[in-house]
Amino acid sequence: MYVPKPIDTTDIVLSDDIQKLTELIAKNTHERWALQKINDGWTYGEVFSYENKTHPCILEYESLSEGDKDYDRITSLETIKTLLKLGYKITKD
């Protein structure tokens, strides 16, 4: 049985600037996901249907529920924390 083993990032503390970056990346993550779905022939639908290729989250990030936004936020936050854990630096020119 598969047991996920992500890199432990619990010791990584993010600055306020990086916390703000997380939201921007979360929005972009959603935009990329939605674009890929649309390119694959999916459209917005109130009910998810693999058969009809409809998904209720194919809409603007701002229109998503907080729960759906949290999915993208967690992905973004953990990506940033993983980069920092692996020794990468995040700088802004």
PDB file of N, CA and C in Angstrom:
ATOM      1  N   MET A   1       0.846  -1.178   0.000  1.00  0.00           N
ATOM      2  CA  MET A   1       0.000   0.000   0.000  1.00  0.00           C
ATOM      3  C   MET A   1       0.896   1.247   0.000  1.00  0.00           C
ATOM      4  N   TYR A   2       0.506   2.223  -0.793  1.00  0.00           N
ATOM      5  CA  TYR A   2       1.248   3.480  -0.918  1.00  0.00           C
ATOM      6  C   TYR A   2       1.087   4.324   0.341  1.00  0.00           C
ATOM      7  N   VAL A   3       2.199   4.792   0.879  1.00  0.00           N
ATOM      8  CA  VAL A   3       2.201   5.693   2.027  1.00  0.00           C
ATOM      9  C   VAL A   3       3.001   6.932   1.633  1.00  0.00           C
ATOM     10  N   PRO A   4       2.346   8.101   1.466  1.00  0.00           N
ATOM     11  CA  PRO A   4       3.065   9.318   1.084  1.00  0.00           C
ATOM     12  C   PRO A   4       4.125   9.685   2.118  1.00  0.00           C
ATOM     13  N   LYS A   5       5.267  10.152   1.634  1.00  0.00           N
ATOM     14  CA  LYS A   5       6.371  10.561   2.506  1.00  0.00           C
ATOM     15  C   LYS A   5       6.944  11.883   2.011  1.00  0.00           C
ATOM     16  N   PRO A   6       6.181  12.969   2.172  1.00  0.00           N
ATOM     17  CA  PRO A   6       6.696  14.272   1.721  1.00  0.00           C
ATOM     18  C   PRO A   6       7.864  14.715   2.598  1.00  0.00           C
ATOM     19  N   ILE A   7       8.661  15.620   2.064  1.00  0.00           N
ATOM     20  CA  ILE A   7       9.752  16.216   2.827  1.00  0.00           C
ATOM     21  C   ILE A   7       9.151  16.968   4.007  1.00  0.00           C
ATOM     22  N   ASP A   8       9.712  16.768   5.185  1.00  0.00           N
ATOM     23  CA  ASP A   8       9.217  17.425   6.394  1.00  0.00           C
ATOM     24  C   ASP A   8       9.626  18.898   6.374  1.00  0.00           C
ATOM     25  N   THR A   9       8.644  19.770   6.300  1.00  0.00           N
ATOM     26  CA  THR A   9       8.910  21.211   6.250  1.00  0.00           C
ATOM     27  C   THR A   9       8.387  21.923   7.490  1.00  0.00           C
ATOM     28  N   THR A  10       8.060  21.171   8.527  1.00  0.00           N
ATOM     29  CA  THR A  10       7.443  21.772   9.709  1.00  0.00           C
ATOM     30  C   THR A  10       8.351  22.770  10.414  1.00  0.00           C
ATOM     31  N   ASP A  11       9.658  22.688  10.180  1.00  0.00           N
ATOM     32  CA  ASP A  11      10.587  23.613  10.837  1.00  0.00           C
ATOM     33  C   ASP A  11      10.818  24.900  10.048  1.00  0.00           C
ATOM     34  N   ILE A  12      10.231  25.010   8.869  1.00  0.00           N
ATOM     35  CA  ILE A  12      10.424  26.192   8.023  1.00  0.00           C
ATOM     36  C   ILE A  12       9.413  27.271   8.409  1.00  0.00           C
ATOM     37  N   VAL A  13       9.922  28.454   8.757  1.00  0.00           N
ATOM     38  CA  VAL A  13       9.084  29.603   9.097  1.00  0.00           C
ATOM     39  C   VAL A  13       9.225  30.617   7.973  1.00  0.00           C
ATOM     40  N   LEU A  14       8.096  31.078   7.474  1.00  0.00           N
ATOM     41  CA  LEU A  14       8.103  32.010   6.346  1.00  0.00           C
ATOM     42  C   LEU A  14       7.906  33.446   6.798  1.00  0.00           C
ATOM     43  N   SER A  15       8.619  34.355   6.143  1.00  0.00           N
ATOM     44  CA  SER A  15       8.447  35.783   6.413  1.00  0.00           C
ATOM     45  C   SER A  15       7.090  36.240   5.885  1.00  0.00           C
ATOM     46  N   ASP A  16       6.676  37.423   6.284  1.00  0.00           N
ATOM     47  CA  ASP A  16       5.400  37.975   5.804  1.00  0.00           C
ATOM     48  C   ASP A  16       5.412  38.138   4.288  1.00  0.00           C
ATOM     49  N   ASP A  17       6.546  38.573   3.723  1.00  0.00           N
ATOM     50  CA  ASP A  17       6.636  38.742   2.272  1.00  0.00           C
ATOM     51  C   ASP A  17       6.429  37.416   1.549  1.00  0.00           C
ATOM     52  N   ILE A  18       7.031  36.367   2.073  1.00  0.00           N
ATOM     53  CA  ILE A  18       6.884  35.050   1.436  1.00  0.00           C
ATOM     54  C   ILE A  18       5.465  34.532   1.642  1.00  0.00           C
ATOM     55  N   GLN A  19       4.865  34.833   2.780  1.00  0.00           N
ATOM     56  CA  GLN A  19       3.465  34.438   3.005  1.00  0.00           C
ATOM     57  C   GLN A  19       2.564  35.078   1.939  1.00  0.00           C
ATOM     58  N   LYS A  20       2.821  36.346   1.612  1.00  0.00           N
ATOM     59  CA  LYS A  20       2.041  37.028   0.576  1.00  0.00           C
ATOM     60  C   LYS A  20       2.292  36.396  -0.793  1.00  0.00           C
ATOM     61  N   LEU A  21       3.517  36.001  -1.047  1.00  0.00           N
ATOM     62  CA  LEU A  21       3.865  35.337  -2.297  1.00  0.00           C
ATOM     63  C   LEU A  21       3.081  34.034  -2.463  1.00  0.00           C
ATOM     64  N   THR A  22       2.848  33.358  -1.355  1.00  0.00           N
ATOM     65  CA  THR A  22       2.100  32.102  -1.383  1.00  0.00           C
ATOM     66  C   THR A  22       0.731  32.285  -2.033  1.00  0.00           C
ATOM     67  N   GLU A  23       0.037  33.355  -1.715  1.00  0.00           N
ATOM     68  CA  GLU A  23      -1.292  33.596  -2.292  1.00  0.00           C
ATOM     69  C   GLU A  23      -1.203  33.853  -3.795  1.00  0.00           C
ATOM     70  N   LEU A  24      -0.188  34.593  -4.228  1.00  0.00           N
ATOM     71  CA  LEU A  24      -0.010  34.840  -5.663  1.00  0.00           C
ATOM     72  C   LEU A  24       0.273  33.539  -6.412  1.00  0.00           C
ATOM     73  N   ILE A  25       1.094  32.687  -5.816  1.00  0.00           N
ATOM     74  CA  ILE A  25       1.404  31.405  -6.446  1.00  0.00           C
ATOM     75  C   ILE A  25       0.178  30.501  -6.430  1.00  0.00           C
ATOM     76  N   ALA A  26      -0.603  30.551  -5.360  1.00  0.00           N
ATOM     77  CA  ALA A  26      -1.825  29.748  -5.295  1.00  0.00           C
ATOM     78  C   ALA A  26      -2.783  30.131  -6.425  1.00  0.00           C
ATOM     79  N   LYS A  27      -2.931  31.431  -6.644  1.00  0.00           N
ATOM     80  CA  LYS A  27      -3.808  31.883  -7.732  1.00  0.00           C
ATOM     81  C   LYS A  27      -3.270  31.411  -9.073  1.00  0.00           C
ATOM     82  N   ASN A  28      -1.977  31.543  -9.277  1.00  0.00           N
ATOM     83  CA  ASN A  28      -1.390  31.114 -10.549  1.00  0.00           C
ATOM     84  C   ASN A  28      -1.488  29.599 -10.728  1.00  0.00           C
ATOM     85  N   THR A  29      -1.337  28.863  -9.639  1.00  0.00           N
ATOM     86  CA  THR A  29      -1.492  27.406  -9.695  1.00  0.00           C
ATOM     87  C   THR A  29      -2.893  27.050 -10.187  1.00  0.00           C
ATOM     88  N   HIS A  30      -3.887  27.734  -9.648  1.00  0.00           N
ATOM     89  CA  HIS A  30      -5.262  27.495 -10.100  1.00  0.00           C
ATOM     90  C   HIS A  30      -5.438  27.879 -11.566  1.00  0.00           C
ATOM     91  N   GLU A  31      -4.890  29.023 -11.954  1.00  0.00           N
ATOM     92  CA  GLU A  31      -5.006  29.473 -13.340  1.00  0.00           C
ATOM     93  C   GLU A  31      -4.391  28.449 -14.300  1.00  0.00           C
ATOM     94  N   ARG A  32      -3.239  27.902 -13.937  1.00  0.00           N
ATOM     95  CA  ARG A  32      -2.570  26.892 -14.769  1.00  0.00           C
ATOM     96  C   ARG A  32      -3.392  25.610 -14.842  1.00  0.00           C
ATOM     97  N   TRP A  33      -3.921  25.194 -13.691  1.00  0.00           N
ATOM     98  CA  TRP A  33      -4.756  23.993 -13.647  1.00  0.00           C
ATOM     99  C   TRP A  33      -5.992  24.175 -14.535  1.00  0.00           C
ATOM    100  N   ALA A  34      -6.670  25.320 -14.387  1.00  0.00           N
ATOM    101  CA  ALA A  34      -7.881  25.586 -15.161  1.00  0.00           C
ATOM    102  C   ALA A  34      -7.574  25.653 -16.657  1.00  0.00           C
ATOM    103  N   LEU A  35      -6.473  26.305 -17.010  1.00  0.00           N
ATOM    104  CA  LEU A  35      -6.085  26.389 -18.421  1.00  0.00           C
ATOM    105  C   LEU A  35      -5.845  25.000 -19.003  1.00  0.00           C
ATOM    106  N   GLN A  36      -5.174  24.145 -18.249  1.00  0.00           N
ATOM    107  CA  GLN A  36      -4.917  22.785 -18.729  1.00  0.00           C
ATOM    108  C   GLN A  36      -6.222  22.010 -18.895  1.00  0.00           C
ATOM    109  N   LYS A  37      -7.118  22.148 -17.930  1.00  0.00           N
ATOM    110  CA  LYS A  37      -8.421  21.484 -18.030  1.00  0.00           C
ATOM    111  C   LYS A  37      -9.153  21.953 -19.296  1.00  0.00           C
ATOM    112  N   ILE A  38      -9.201  23.273 -19.509  1.00  0.00           N
ATOM    113  CA  ILE A  38      -9.889  23.822 -20.682  1.00  0.00           C
ATOM    114  C   ILE A  38      -9.225  23.322 -21.967  1.00  0.00           C
ATOM    115  N   ASN A  39      -7.905  23.323 -21.992  1.00  0.00           N
ATOM    116  CA  ASN A  39      -7.189  22.814 -23.171  1.00  0.00           C
ATOM    117  C   ASN A  39      -7.465  21.333 -23.418  1.00  0.00           C
ATOM    118  N   ASP A  40      -7.795  20.608 -22.359  1.00  0.00           N
ATOM    119  CA  ASP A  40      -8.117  19.188 -22.477  1.00  0.00           C
ATOM    120  C   ASP A  40      -9.592  18.950 -22.768  1.00  0.00           C
ATOM    121  N   GLY A  41     -10.349  20.037 -22.993  1.00  0.00           N
ATOM    122  CA  GLY A  41     -11.745  19.897 -23.384  1.00  0.00           C
ATOM    123  C   GLY A  41     -12.756  19.992 -22.252  1.00  0.00           C
ATOM    124  N   TRP A  42     -12.301  20.327 -21.060  1.00  0.00           N
ATOM    125  CA  TRP A  42     -13.207  20.448 -19.925  1.00  0.00           C
ATOM    126  C   TRP A  42     -13.858  21.827 -19.922  1.00  0.00           C
ATOM    127  N   THR A  43     -15.038  21.920 -19.314  1.00  0.00           N
ATOM    128  CA  THR A  43     -15.742  23.186 -19.148  1.00  0.00           C
ATOM    129  C   THR A  43     -16.290  23.264 -17.731  1.00  0.00           C
ATOM    130  N   TYR A  44     -16.732  24.473 -17.379  1.00  0.00           N
ATOM    131  CA  TYR A  44     -17.371  24.644 -16.085  1.00  0.00           C
ATOM    132  C   TYR A  44     -18.685  23.874 -16.062  1.00  0.00           C
ATOM    133  N   GLY A  45     -18.958  23.260 -14.940  1.00  0.00           N
ATOM    134  CA  GLY A  45     -20.240  22.616 -14.696  1.00  0.00           C
ATOM    135  C   GLY A  45     -20.487  22.584 -13.205  1.00  0.00           C
ATOM    136  N   GLU A  46     -21.735  22.722 -12.794  1.00  0.00           N
ATOM    137  CA  GLU A  46     -22.046  22.739 -11.363  1.00  0.00           C
ATOM    138  C   GLU A  46     -21.701  21.421 -10.692  1.00  0.00           C
ATOM    139  N   VAL A  47     -21.652  20.347 -11.490  1.00  0.00           N
ATOM    140  CA  VAL A  47     -21.349  19.015 -10.964  1.00  0.00           C
ATOM    141  C   VAL A  47     -20.149  18.459 -11.710  1.00  0.00           C
ATOM    142  N   PHE A  48     -19.218  17.874 -10.964  1.00  0.00           N
ATOM    143  CA  PHE A  48     -18.084  17.211 -11.602  1.00  0.00           C
ATOM    144  C   PHE A  48     -18.587  16.004 -12.379  1.00  0.00           C
ATOM    145  N   SER A  49     -18.133  15.889 -13.628  1.00  0.00           N
ATOM    146  CA  SER A  49     -18.480  14.727 -14.441  1.00  0.00           C
ATOM    147  C   SER A  49     -17.297  14.398 -15.338  1.00  0.00           C
ATOM    148  N   TYR A  50     -16.694  13.259 -15.070  1.00  0.00           N
ATOM    149  CA  TYR A  50     -15.594  12.809 -15.923  1.00  0.00           C
ATOM    150  C   TYR A  50     -16.117  12.522 -17.326  1.00  0.00           C
ATOM    151  N   GLU A  51     -17.287  11.942 -17.388  1.00  0.00           N
ATOM    152  CA  GLU A  51     -17.895  11.598 -18.680  1.00  0.00           C
ATOM    153  C   GLU A  51     -18.185  12.830 -19.534  1.00  0.00           C
ATOM    154  N   ASN A  52     -18.735  13.879 -18.912  1.00  0.00           N
ATOM    155  CA  ASN A  52     -19.090  15.101 -19.640  1.00  0.00           C
ATOM    156  C   ASN A  52     -17.979  16.151 -19.623  1.00  0.00           C
ATOM    157  N   LYS A  53     -16.901  15.851 -18.905  1.00  0.00           N
ATOM    158  CA  LYS A  53     -15.772  16.777 -18.755  1.00  0.00           C
ATOM    159  C   LYS A  53     -16.230  18.136 -18.225  1.00  0.00           C
ATOM    160  N   THR A  54     -16.976  18.086 -17.112  1.00  0.00           N
ATOM    161  CA  THR A  54     -17.371  19.315 -16.431  1.00  0.00           C
ATOM    162  C   THR A  54     -16.797  19.306 -15.021  1.00  0.00           C
ATOM    163  N   HIS A  55     -16.434  20.493 -14.554  1.00  0.00           N
ATOM    164  CA  HIS A  55     -15.830  20.621 -13.228  1.00  0.00           C
ATOM    165  C   HIS A  55     -16.286  21.934 -12.602  1.00  0.00           C
ATOM    166  N   PRO A  56     -16.736  21.899 -11.352  1.00  0.00           N
ATOM    167  CA  PRO A  56     -17.236  23.125 -10.715  1.00  0.00           C
ATOM    168  C   PRO A  56     -16.151  24.130 -10.342  1.00  0.00           C
ATOM    169  N   CYS A  57     -14.887  23.768 -10.460  1.00  0.00           N
ATOM    170  CA  CYS A  57     -13.807  24.699 -10.104  1.00  0.00           C
ATOM    171  C   CYS A  57     -13.180  25.390 -11.309  1.00  0.00           C
ATOM    172  N   ILE A  58     -13.751  25.197 -12.471  1.00  0.00           N
ATOM    173  CA  ILE A  58     -13.238  25.913 -13.647  1.00  0.00           C
ATOM    174  C   ILE A  58     -13.912  27.279 -13.669  1.00  0.00           C
ATOM    175  N   LEU A  59     -13.379  28.152 -12.834  1.00  0.00           N
ATOM    176  CA  LEU A  59     -13.836  29.531 -12.733  1.00  0.00           C
ATOM    177  C   LEU A  59     -12.736  30.356 -12.102  1.00  0.00           C
ATOM    178  N   GLU A  60     -12.943  31.657 -11.996  1.00  0.00           N
ATOM    179  CA  GLU A  60     -11.922  32.553 -11.477  1.00  0.00           C
ATOM    180  C   GLU A  60     -11.545  32.162 -10.047  1.00  0.00           C
ATOM    181  N   TYR A  61     -10.280  32.310  -9.731  1.00  0.00           N
ATOM    182  CA  TYR A  61      -9.773  31.984  -8.395  1.00  0.00           C
ATOM    183  C   TYR A  61     -10.591  32.681  -7.314  1.00  0.00           C
ATOM    184  N   GLU A  62     -10.908  33.950  -7.541  1.00  0.00           N
ATOM    185  CA  GLU A  62     -11.643  34.732  -6.556  1.00  0.00           C
ATOM    186  C   GLU A  62     -13.037  34.176  -6.296  1.00  0.00           C
ATOM    187  N   SER A  63     -13.577  33.410  -7.224  1.00  0.00           N
ATOM    188  CA  SER A  63     -14.914  32.837  -7.074  1.00  0.00           C
ATOM    189  C   SER A  63     -14.915  31.468  -6.397  1.00  0.00           C
ATOM    190  N   LEU A  64     -13.738  30.913  -6.174  1.00  0.00           N
ATOM    191  CA  LEU A  64     -13.649  29.610  -5.508  1.00  0.00           C
ATOM    192  C   LEU A  64     -14.035  29.734  -4.040  1.00  0.00           C
ATOM    193  N   SER A  65     -14.491  28.644  -3.474  1.00  0.00           N
ATOM    194  CA  SER A  65     -14.735  28.612  -2.028  1.00  0.00           C
ATOM    195  C   SER A  65     -13.390  28.684  -1.317  1.00  0.00           C
ATOM    196  N   GLU A  66     -13.395  29.082  -0.068  1.00  0.00           N
ATOM    197  CA  GLU A  66     -12.146  29.140   0.693  1.00  0.00           C
ATOM    198  C   GLU A  66     -11.515  27.745   0.781  1.00  0.00           C
ATOM    199  N   GLY A  67     -12.337  26.713   0.861  1.00  0.00           N
ATOM    200  CA  GLY A  67     -11.815  25.351   0.893  1.00  0.00           C
ATOM    201  C   GLY A  67     -11.067  24.990  -0.370  1.00  0.00           C
ATOM    202  N   ASP A  68     -11.619  25.380  -1.518  1.00  0.00           N
ATOM    203  CA  ASP A  68     -10.937  25.109  -2.791  1.00  0.00           C
ATOM    204  C   ASP A  68      -9.671  25.950  -2.921  1.00  0.00           C
ATOM    205  N   LYS A  69      -9.725  27.192  -2.466  1.00  0.00           N
ATOM    206  CA  LYS A  69      -8.522  28.040  -2.477  1.00  0.00           C
ATOM    207  C   LYS A  69      -7.444  27.438  -1.577  1.00  0.00           C
ATOM    208  N   ASP A  70      -7.859  26.878  -0.443  1.00  0.00           N
ATOM    209  CA  ASP A  70      -6.898  26.293   0.486  1.00  0.00           C
ATOM    210  C   ASP A  70      -6.109  25.154  -0.150  1.00  0.00           C
ATOM    211  N   TYR A  71      -6.732  24.401  -1.031  1.00  0.00           N
ATOM    212  CA  TYR A  71      -6.025  23.321  -1.726  1.00  0.00           C
ATOM    213  C   TYR A  71      -4.828  23.894  -2.492  1.00  0.00           C
ATOM    214  N   ASP A  72      -5.054  24.983  -3.234  1.00  0.00           N
ATOM    215  CA  ASP A  72      -3.971  25.633  -3.977  1.00  0.00           C
ATOM    216  C   ASP A  72      -2.984  26.315  -3.034  1.00  0.00           C
ATOM    217  N   ARG A  73      -3.490  26.893  -1.951  1.00  0.00           N
ATOM    218  CA  ARG A  73      -2.610  27.548  -0.978  1.00  0.00           C
ATOM    219  C   ARG A  73      -1.652  26.554  -0.337  1.00  0.00           C
ATOM    220  N   ILE A  74      -2.164  25.408   0.050  1.00  0.00           N
ATOM    221  CA  ILE A  74      -1.315  24.389   0.675  1.00  0.00           C
ATOM    222  C   ILE A  74      -0.254  23.906  -0.300  1.00  0.00           C
ATOM    223  N   THR A  75      -0.649  23.667  -1.543  1.00  0.00           N
ATOM    224  CA  THR A  75       0.312  23.245  -2.564  1.00  0.00           C
ATOM    225  C   THR A  75       1.403  24.296  -2.730  1.00  0.00           C
ATOM    226  N   SER A  76       1.012  25.552  -2.821  1.00  0.00           N
ATOM    227  CA  SER A  76       1.975  26.644  -2.995  1.00  0.00           C
ATOM    228  C   SER A  76       2.867  26.802  -1.778  1.00  0.00           C
ATOM    229  N   LEU A  77       2.263  26.806  -0.607  1.00  0.00           N
ATOM    230  CA  LEU A  77       3.011  26.957   0.630  1.00  0.00           C
ATOM    231  C   LEU A  77       4.037  25.840   0.783  1.00  0.00           C
ATOM    232  N   GLU A  78       3.629  24.611   0.548  1.00  0.00           N
ATOM    233  CA  GLU A  78       4.537  23.481   0.706  1.00  0.00           C
ATOM    234  C   GLU A  78       5.629  23.469  -0.365  1.00  0.00           C
ATOM    235  N   THR A  79       5.323  23.966  -1.554  1.00  0.00           N
ATOM    236  CA  THR A  79       6.361  24.064  -2.590  1.00  0.00           C
ATOM    237  C   THR A  79       7.434  25.057  -2.163  1.00  0.00           C
ATOM    238  N   ILE A  80       7.007  26.215  -1.664  1.00  0.00           N
ATOM    239  CA  ILE A  80       7.957  27.227  -1.199  1.00  0.00           C
ATOM    240  C   ILE A  80       8.780  26.684  -0.032  1.00  0.00           C
ATOM    241  N   LYS A  81       8.109  26.065   0.929  1.00  0.00           N
ATOM    242  CA  LYS A  81       8.815  25.532   2.092  1.00  0.00           C
ATOM    243  C   LYS A  81       9.792  24.424   1.693  1.00  0.00           C
ATOM    244  N   THR A  82       9.419  23.617   0.708  1.00  0.00           N
ATOM    245  CA  THR A  82      10.315  22.552   0.238  1.00  0.00           C
ATOM    246  C   THR A  82      11.558  23.149  -0.407  1.00  0.00           C
ATOM    247  N   LEU A  83      11.383  24.173  -1.224  1.00  0.00           N
ATOM    248  CA  LEU A  83      12.536  24.839  -1.838  1.00  0.00           C
ATOM    249  C   LEU A  83      13.485  25.366  -0.767  1.00  0.00           C
ATOM    250  N   LEU A  84      12.936  26.018   0.249  1.00  0.00           N
ATOM    251  CA  LEU A  84      13.767  26.553   1.326  1.00  0.00           C
ATOM    252  C   LEU A  84      14.438  25.425   2.111  1.00  0.00           C
ATOM    253  N   LYS A  85      13.708  24.362   2.369  1.00  0.00           N
ATOM    254  CA  LYS A  85      14.261  23.215   3.099  1.00  0.00           C
ATOM    255  C   LYS A  85      15.435  22.594   2.343  1.00  0.00           C
ATOM    256  N   LEU A  86      15.352  22.619   1.009  1.00  0.00           N
ATOM    257  CA  LEU A  86      16.410  22.044   0.172  1.00  0.00           C
ATOM    258  C   LEU A  86      17.587  23.010  -0.029  1.00  0.00           C
ATOM    259  N   GLY A  87      17.514  24.181   0.612  1.00  0.00           N
ATOM    260  CA  GLY A  87      18.644  25.101   0.567  1.00  0.00           C
ATOM    261  C   GLY A  87      18.548  26.209  -0.460  1.00  0.00           C
ATOM    262  N   TYR A  88      17.456  26.278  -1.205  1.00  0.00           N
ATOM    263  CA  TYR A  88      17.282  27.351  -2.173  1.00  0.00           C
ATOM    264  C   TYR A  88      16.927  28.655  -1.453  1.00  0.00           C
ATOM    265  N   LYS A  89      17.257  29.754  -2.069  1.00  0.00           N
ATOM    266  CA  LYS A  89      16.937  31.071  -1.543  1.00  0.00           C
ATOM    267  C   LYS A  89      15.915  31.729  -2.471  1.00  0.00           C
ATOM    268  N   ILE A  90      15.005  32.450  -1.901  1.00  0.00           N
ATOM    269  CA  ILE A  90      14.011  33.184  -2.685  1.00  0.00           C
ATOM    270  C   ILE A  90      14.319  34.659  -2.510  1.00  0.00           C
ATOM    271  N   THR A  91      14.654  35.317  -3.618  1.00  0.00           N
ATOM    272  CA  THR A  91      14.965  36.743  -3.578  1.00  0.00           C
ATOM    273  C   THR A  91      14.148  37.465  -4.627  1.00  0.00           C
ATOM    274  N   LYS A  92      13.960  38.738  -4.401  1.00  0.00           N
ATOM    275  CA  LYS A  92      13.234  39.568  -5.360  1.00  0.00           C
ATOM    276  C   LYS A  92      14.160  40.687  -5.794  1.00  0.00           C
ATOM    277  N   ASP A  93      14.301  40.842  -7.108  1.00  0.00           N
ATOM    278  CA  ASP A  93      15.146  41.909  -7.633  1.00  0.00           C
ATOM    279  C   ASP A  93      14.449  43.254  -7.572  1.00  0.00           C
TER     280      ASP A  93
END
